[in-house]
Protein backbone atom coordinates (compact mmCIF):
# COMPACT_ATOMS: atom_id res chain seq x y z
CA UNK A 1 252.22 -137.40 58.50
CA UNK A 2 253.28 -135.43 55.46
CA UNK A 3 249.85 -133.82 55.33
CA UNK A 4 250.14 -132.80 58.96
CA UNK A 5 253.66 -131.40 58.29
CA UNK A 6 252.23 -129.26 55.51
CA UNK A 7 249.19 -128.05 57.47
CA UNK A 8 251.36 -127.16 60.49
CA UNK A 9 253.72 -125.21 58.29
CA UNK A 10 250.77 -123.37 56.65
CA UNK A 11 249.19 -122.43 59.99
CA UNK A 12 252.56 -121.21 61.35
CA UNK A 13 253.23 -119.05 58.33
CA UNK A 14 249.65 -117.78 58.08
CA UNK A 15 249.48 -116.53 61.69
CA UNK A 16 253.02 -115.24 61.59
CA UNK A 17 251.90 -113.01 58.74
CA UNK A 18 248.68 -112.14 60.57
CA UNK A 19 250.53 -111.05 63.70
CA UNK A 20 253.00 -109.03 61.67
CA UNK A 21 250.18 -107.26 59.68
CA UNK A 22 248.18 -106.55 62.91
CA UNK A 23 251.22 -104.95 64.55
CA UNK A 24 252.16 -102.82 61.51
CA UNK A 25 248.59 -101.67 60.90
CA UNK A 26 247.20 -101.20 64.43
CA UNK A 27 250.18 -101.72 66.77
CA UNK A 28 248.11 -104.61 68.17
CA UNK A 29 249.43 -107.97 69.28
CA UNK A 30 247.59 -111.12 68.42
CA UNK A 31 248.08 -113.55 71.33
CA UNK A 32 247.59 -117.31 71.40
CA UNK A 33 243.88 -117.09 72.37
CA UNK A 34 243.00 -114.74 69.52
CA UNK A 35 244.89 -116.92 67.01
CA UNK A 36 242.97 -119.97 68.21
CA UNK A 37 239.66 -118.27 67.56
CA UNK A 38 240.84 -117.30 64.09
CA UNK A 39 242.06 -120.88 63.50
CA UNK A 40 238.57 -122.21 64.20
CA UNK A 41 237.11 -119.87 61.54
CA UNK A 42 239.99 -120.67 59.11
CA UNK A 43 239.29 -124.37 59.35
CA UNK A 44 235.68 -123.78 58.22
CA UNK A 45 236.99 -121.92 55.16
CA UNK A 46 239.74 -124.39 54.34
CA UNK A 47 238.31 -127.88 54.79
CA UNK A 48 241.64 -129.62 54.19
CA UNK A 49 242.83 -128.28 57.56
CA UNK A 50 240.18 -130.55 59.19
CA UNK A 51 241.85 -133.70 57.80
CA UNK A 52 244.74 -133.51 60.25
CA UNK A 53 244.96 -133.64 64.07
CA UNK A 54 243.48 -130.50 65.64
CA UNK A 55 245.89 -130.59 68.61
CA UNK A 56 248.88 -130.48 66.19
CA UNK A 57 247.67 -127.19 64.76
CA UNK A 58 247.11 -125.85 68.29
CA UNK A 59 250.64 -126.86 69.23
CA UNK A 60 251.85 -124.96 66.17
CA UNK A 61 250.23 -121.81 67.49
CA UNK A 62 251.81 -122.44 70.89
CA UNK A 63 255.24 -122.76 69.19
CA UNK A 64 254.65 -119.46 67.33
CA UNK A 65 253.62 -117.72 70.50
CA UNK A 66 256.69 -119.07 72.30
CA UNK A 67 258.90 -117.74 69.43
CA UNK A 68 257.40 -114.26 69.91
CA UNK A 69 257.83 -114.44 73.70
CA UNK A 70 261.50 -115.30 73.19
CA UNK A 71 261.80 -112.40 70.70
CA UNK A 72 260.37 -109.90 73.21
CA UNK A 73 262.53 -111.25 76.01
CA UNK A 74 265.72 -110.85 73.97
CA UNK A 75 264.73 -107.30 72.95
CA UNK A 76 264.33 -106.30 76.64
CA UNK A 77 267.72 -107.82 77.52
CA UNK A 78 269.36 -106.02 74.60
CA UNK A 79 270.43 -109.25 72.91
CA UNK A 80 270.15 -110.10 69.21
CA UNK A 81 266.31 -110.14 68.74
CA UNK A 82 265.91 -113.06 66.30
CA UNK A 83 262.46 -112.24 64.92
CA UNK A 84 260.42 -115.41 64.06
CA UNK A 85 260.92 -116.50 60.44
CA UNK A 86 258.62 -118.20 57.97
CA UNK A 87 258.98 -121.96 57.60
CA UNK A 88 260.17 -123.14 54.18
CA UNK A 89 258.64 -126.02 52.34
CA UNK A 90 262.13 -126.93 51.09
CA UNK A 91 263.35 -127.55 54.64
CA UNK A 92 264.36 -131.20 55.19
CA UNK A 93 263.54 -131.20 58.91
CA UNK A 94 259.82 -131.46 59.63
CA UNK A 95 257.91 -132.09 62.88
CA UNK A 96 254.58 -131.61 64.67
CA UNK A 97 253.37 -132.32 68.20
CA UNK A 98 250.07 -133.99 69.07
CA UNK A 99 248.48 -133.86 72.52
CA UNK A 100 247.13 -136.96 74.15
CA UNK A 101 243.35 -136.89 74.57
CA UNK A 102 241.81 -140.07 75.91
CA UNK A 103 243.51 -142.95 74.21
CA UNK A 104 244.45 -141.37 70.93
CA UNK A 105 248.17 -141.96 71.70
CA UNK A 106 249.44 -145.34 72.94
CA UNK A 107 252.44 -147.65 72.61
CA UNK A 108 252.47 -151.46 73.03
CA UNK A 109 256.16 -152.10 72.38
CA UNK A 110 255.72 -152.98 68.69
CA UNK A 111 253.33 -150.32 67.37
CA UNK A 112 252.39 -146.77 68.21
CA UNK A 113 248.96 -145.21 67.97
CA UNK A 114 248.78 -141.62 66.68
CA UNK A 115 245.83 -139.30 66.20
CA UNK A 116 244.24 -139.51 62.69
CA UNK A 117 246.71 -142.24 61.75
CA UNK A 118 245.90 -145.09 64.18
CA UNK A 119 248.42 -147.90 64.78
CA UNK A 120 251.78 -147.77 63.05
CA UNK A 121 254.61 -150.32 63.36
CA UNK A 122 257.54 -148.92 65.33
CA UNK A 123 260.90 -150.11 66.57
CA UNK A 124 262.06 -148.62 69.84
CA UNK A 125 261.69 -149.07 73.58
CA UNK A 126 259.89 -152.21 74.73
CA UNK A 127 257.93 -150.26 77.35
CA UNK A 128 257.06 -146.72 78.32
CA UNK A 129 257.01 -145.71 81.94
CA UNK A 130 254.74 -142.96 83.25
CA UNK A 131 251.75 -141.26 81.70
CA UNK A 132 251.98 -140.03 78.08
CA UNK A 133 251.39 -136.30 77.68
CA UNK A 134 252.09 -135.78 73.98
CA UNK A 135 253.89 -137.21 70.99
CA UNK A 136 256.24 -135.33 68.63
CA UNK A 137 256.53 -136.82 65.12
CA UNK A 138 259.58 -135.75 63.20
CA UNK A 139 261.27 -136.58 59.90
CA UNK A 140 265.03 -136.41 59.42
CA UNK A 141 266.72 -135.19 56.23
CA UNK A 142 267.49 -138.83 55.36
CA UNK A 143 263.68 -139.54 55.24
CA UNK A 144 263.37 -141.50 58.48
CA UNK A 145 260.39 -140.95 60.86
CA UNK A 146 260.69 -140.74 64.62
CA UNK A 147 258.18 -140.35 67.43
CA UNK A 148 259.24 -138.84 70.75
CA UNK A 149 256.86 -139.46 73.65
CA UNK A 150 256.75 -136.93 76.47
CA UNK A 151 255.71 -138.67 79.74
CA UNK A 152 255.10 -137.55 83.32
CA UNK A 153 255.21 -139.33 86.64
CA UNK A 154 258.42 -141.07 85.55
CA UNK A 155 260.64 -142.44 88.34
CA UNK A 156 264.39 -142.35 87.60
CA UNK A 157 266.37 -144.95 89.47
CA UNK A 158 269.35 -143.09 90.90
CA UNK A 159 272.89 -144.45 90.87
CA UNK A 160 274.44 -145.53 94.12
CA UNK A 161 276.83 -143.15 95.94
CA UNK A 162 280.48 -144.12 95.36
CA UNK A 163 282.33 -141.31 97.22
CA UNK A 164 284.62 -140.75 94.25
CA UNK A 165 285.50 -137.30 92.89
CA UNK A 166 287.01 -136.39 89.54
CA UNK A 167 288.15 -133.38 87.52
CA UNK A 168 287.64 -133.35 83.76
CA UNK A 169 289.74 -131.58 81.12
CA UNK A 170 288.19 -131.46 77.64
CA UNK A 171 290.48 -131.55 74.68
CA UNK A 172 291.07 -132.44 71.07
CA UNK A 173 293.95 -134.95 71.15
CA UNK A 174 292.25 -136.71 74.12
CA UNK A 175 288.53 -136.15 74.24
CA UNK A 176 288.47 -136.13 78.02
CA UNK A 177 291.31 -136.41 80.52
CA UNK A 178 290.44 -137.27 84.10
CA UNK A 179 292.26 -136.29 87.23
CA UNK A 180 293.03 -139.94 88.03
CA UNK A 181 295.09 -140.32 84.77
CA UNK A 182 292.56 -141.74 82.36
CA UNK A 183 292.59 -140.47 78.75
CA UNK A 184 289.36 -141.01 76.79
CA UNK A 185 290.00 -141.31 73.08
CA UNK A 186 288.69 -138.64 70.67
CA UNK A 187 287.23 -140.77 67.89
CA UNK A 188 286.96 -137.81 65.42
CA UNK A 189 283.93 -139.25 63.59
CA UNK A 190 283.68 -136.37 61.16
CA UNK A 191 287.36 -136.67 60.19
CA UNK A 192 286.95 -140.47 59.59
CA UNK A 193 284.01 -139.96 57.21
CA UNK A 194 285.24 -136.73 55.58
CA UNK A 195 286.58 -138.42 52.42
CA UNK A 196 283.35 -140.22 51.82
CA UNK A 197 281.37 -137.02 52.52
CA UNK A 198 283.50 -135.07 50.02
CA UNK A 199 283.05 -137.76 47.40
CA UNK A 200 279.26 -137.78 47.81
CA UNK A 201 279.02 -133.99 47.77
CA UNK A 202 281.07 -133.90 44.58
CA UNK A 203 278.59 -136.29 42.99
CA UNK A 204 275.73 -134.07 44.10
CA UNK A 205 277.29 -131.04 42.37
CA UNK A 206 277.17 -132.85 39.07
CA UNK A 207 273.49 -133.68 39.26
CA UNK A 208 271.07 -131.34 37.45
CA UNK A 209 269.05 -129.12 39.83
CA UNK A 210 265.47 -130.43 40.24
CA UNK A 211 266.29 -133.97 38.89
CA UNK A 212 265.37 -137.18 40.67
CA UNK A 213 268.97 -138.29 40.71
CA UNK A 214 269.84 -135.09 42.66
CA UNK A 215 267.12 -135.83 45.22
CA UNK A 216 268.47 -139.40 45.61
CA UNK A 217 272.00 -138.12 46.06
CA UNK A 218 270.88 -135.61 48.65
CA UNK A 219 269.49 -138.43 50.74
CA UNK A 220 272.84 -140.32 50.48
CA UNK A 221 274.62 -137.29 51.86
CA UNK A 222 272.06 -136.93 54.62
CA UNK A 223 272.65 -140.56 55.62
CA UNK A 224 276.38 -139.95 55.94
CA UNK A 225 275.74 -136.90 58.19
CA UNK A 226 273.15 -138.88 60.18
CA UNK A 227 275.65 -141.72 60.76
CA UNK A 228 278.28 -139.28 62.03
CA UNK A 229 275.78 -137.66 64.39
CA UNK A 230 274.58 -141.03 65.70
CA UNK A 231 278.16 -142.24 66.34
CA UNK A 232 279.00 -139.06 68.22
CA UNK A 233 275.79 -139.14 70.23
CA UNK A 234 276.26 -142.77 71.17
CA UNK A 235 279.80 -142.18 72.36
CA UNK A 236 278.88 -139.09 74.39
CA UNK A 237 276.01 -140.82 76.15
CA UNK A 238 278.16 -143.82 77.07
CA UNK A 239 280.98 -141.59 78.27
CA UNK A 240 278.85 -139.22 80.36
CA UNK A 241 276.75 -142.03 81.84
CA UNK A 242 279.94 -143.82 82.99
CA UNK A 243 281.34 -140.66 84.53
CA UNK A 244 278.14 -139.85 86.44
CA UNK A 245 277.72 -143.46 87.53
CA UNK A 246 281.23 -143.79 88.95
CA UNK A 247 281.65 -140.37 90.64
CA UNK A 248 279.72 -138.30 93.17
CA UNK A 249 281.46 -134.99 92.44
CA UNK A 250 282.47 -133.88 88.94
CA UNK A 251 284.50 -130.69 88.32
CA UNK A 252 284.54 -129.27 84.80
CA UNK A 253 285.66 -126.17 82.98
CA UNK A 254 283.31 -123.44 81.76
CA UNK A 255 284.49 -123.31 78.16
CA UNK A 256 283.41 -120.56 75.79
CA UNK A 257 282.91 -122.90 72.87
CA UNK A 258 281.15 -120.24 70.82
CA UNK A 259 284.23 -118.07 70.91
CA UNK A 260 286.69 -120.95 70.46
CA UNK A 261 285.18 -122.12 67.14
CA UNK A 262 286.13 -118.74 65.69
CA UNK A 263 289.63 -120.17 65.38
CA UNK A 264 289.59 -121.30 61.72
CA UNK A 265 292.32 -123.90 62.32
CA UNK A 266 290.57 -125.62 65.21
CA UNK A 267 286.89 -124.91 64.54
CA UNK A 268 286.14 -128.19 62.78
CA UNK A 269 287.91 -130.30 65.45
CA UNK A 270 286.23 -128.45 68.29
CA UNK A 271 282.81 -128.85 66.65
CA UNK A 272 283.49 -132.55 66.11
CA UNK A 273 284.39 -133.00 69.80
CA UNK A 274 281.01 -131.57 70.89
CA UNK A 275 282.17 -130.13 74.21
CA UNK A 276 278.92 -128.21 74.68
CA UNK A 277 276.81 -131.36 74.26
CA UNK A 278 279.07 -133.31 76.63
CA UNK A 279 278.66 -130.68 79.32
CA UNK A 280 274.91 -130.50 78.74
CA UNK A 281 274.59 -134.27 79.25
CA UNK A 282 276.70 -134.24 82.37
CA UNK A 283 274.55 -131.43 83.85
CA UNK A 284 271.19 -133.11 83.46
CA UNK A 285 272.46 -136.58 84.37
CA UNK A 286 273.93 -135.22 87.60
CA UNK A 287 270.55 -133.64 88.42
CA UNK A 288 268.79 -136.91 87.63
CA UNK A 289 270.98 -139.07 89.84
CA UNK A 290 271.64 -136.70 92.72
CA UNK A 291 275.33 -136.16 91.89
CA UNK A 292 277.20 -132.88 92.40
CA UNK A 293 278.70 -130.76 89.64
CA UNK A 294 281.22 -127.93 90.12
CA UNK A 295 281.96 -125.60 87.19
CA UNK A 296 285.32 -123.81 87.12
CA UNK A 297 285.73 -120.32 85.67
CA UNK A 298 286.88 -120.18 82.07
CA UNK A 299 289.88 -117.95 82.89
CA UNK A 300 291.45 -120.42 85.41
CA UNK A 301 294.94 -121.32 84.16
CA UNK A 302 294.46 -125.09 84.51
CA UNK A 303 297.13 -126.05 81.92
CA UNK A 304 299.85 -123.75 83.19
CA UNK A 305 299.84 -124.57 86.91
CA UNK A 306 301.69 -127.48 88.54
CA UNK A 307 299.11 -129.60 90.29
CA UNK A 308 301.68 -130.52 93.02
CA UNK A 309 303.35 -127.20 94.02
CA UNK A 310 301.37 -124.55 92.15
CA UNK A 311 304.30 -123.28 90.01
CA UNK A 312 303.01 -121.47 86.89
CA UNK A 313 304.71 -122.37 83.62
CA UNK A 314 303.89 -119.70 80.96
CA UNK A 315 305.34 -121.94 78.20
CA UNK A 316 302.43 -124.35 78.75
CA UNK A 317 300.14 -121.81 76.93
CA UNK A 318 301.48 -123.29 73.70
CA UNK A 319 299.14 -126.10 72.65
CA UNK A 320 302.10 -127.96 71.15
CA UNK A 321 303.61 -128.51 74.60
CA UNK A 322 302.08 -131.91 75.58
CA UNK A 323 304.48 -132.69 78.45
CA UNK A 324 306.53 -130.43 80.71
CA UNK A 325 308.68 -130.61 83.85
CA UNK A 326 307.85 -128.32 86.74
CA UNK A 327 310.82 -126.02 87.60
CA UNK A 328 309.49 -125.73 91.15
CA UNK A 329 309.32 -129.34 92.25
CA UNK A 330 310.70 -131.31 89.27
CA UNK A 331 307.61 -133.38 88.62
CA UNK A 332 306.88 -134.38 85.00
CA UNK A 333 303.38 -133.57 83.87
CA UNK A 334 301.09 -134.71 81.06
CA UNK A 335 299.42 -131.54 79.89
CA UNK A 336 295.82 -132.85 79.93
CA UNK A 337 296.02 -134.97 83.13
CA UNK A 338 297.71 -132.11 85.00
CA UNK A 339 294.98 -129.72 83.85
CA UNK A 340 292.29 -132.15 85.07
CA UNK A 341 293.96 -132.31 88.49
CA UNK A 342 294.08 -128.56 88.74
CA UNK A 343 290.43 -128.40 87.84
CA UNK A 344 289.63 -130.87 90.61
CA UNK A 345 291.72 -128.92 93.14
CA UNK A 346 290.03 -125.64 92.15
CA UNK A 347 286.58 -127.25 92.31
CA UNK A 348 287.22 -128.56 95.83
CA UNK A 349 288.50 -125.12 96.88
CA UNK A 350 285.36 -123.43 95.53
CA UNK A 351 283.05 -125.86 97.31
CA UNK A 352 285.00 -125.37 100.56
CA UNK A 353 284.75 -121.59 100.31
CA UNK A 354 281.04 -121.67 99.46
CA UNK A 355 280.28 -123.92 102.44
């Protein structure tokens, strides 16, 4: 696997330099097909490239071509171009993708078969549904290896229709507040492990650069970060799966998370809450199970409006105001639950207008 990581990195960097030189010298673009022809000749000159899976090297060229296509697309749109960069040997995240040809990739529940490697013991799913297309082998900064199998012809069993509807307000004090009054706890996994992370990073700063002890300490820090990420991912999947399973219509805000993290006082808490990932999971799970999703505009004043009479309270713009009494109807509101109810009302209004 390490050999394939290295060969894939070499091929990516080699042909990135080739495409750059060809454009600077002749204004010519080397596409995927031309790079494949050159790769065949290169493998004859460098025999060690023949020791790894050929489809992994072809997939590397496909990734490079996709990077250039994305670069050209962003240039046309006037966005930040993001020219493809060379891959560093010092990077702690490594991966390659192998295509299934015949029976070179298989999984029996206890072991996985990979090209050029044969059977390797693996812990994971007991069975794989559908037909395997390719396998992506990756290594995390903590040194663990993972294999992700891409399958087709997979049938997803959809959740039963419940007829329930809900509005969601994302926050920091309460991770998610629902329109029916439920407050989901924000576990703040990064905050919980921050002291340990600081302690381990302080130890790393004392290790001599290039020493074995420094390499061991780097892995300890990577394991702390990996545990935080795993905790956060597990909680998000459980939360989003429950929301999609129990509701047929979900209304949610369109938050500009990229702009919100510019607030230096709230950036760490917002990043730890992972609002963008939570929305991404809700979107694809709604598509999987045939549920409906309504996104509300980001400038809708969900926290300032009374969900009963519609009175707008400008004082509610202050994040410190957690509860307030409506001057129009006298109803006492919890800030987050009231915002969730306003989001639900606005979502129903948008769906009515569009129909």
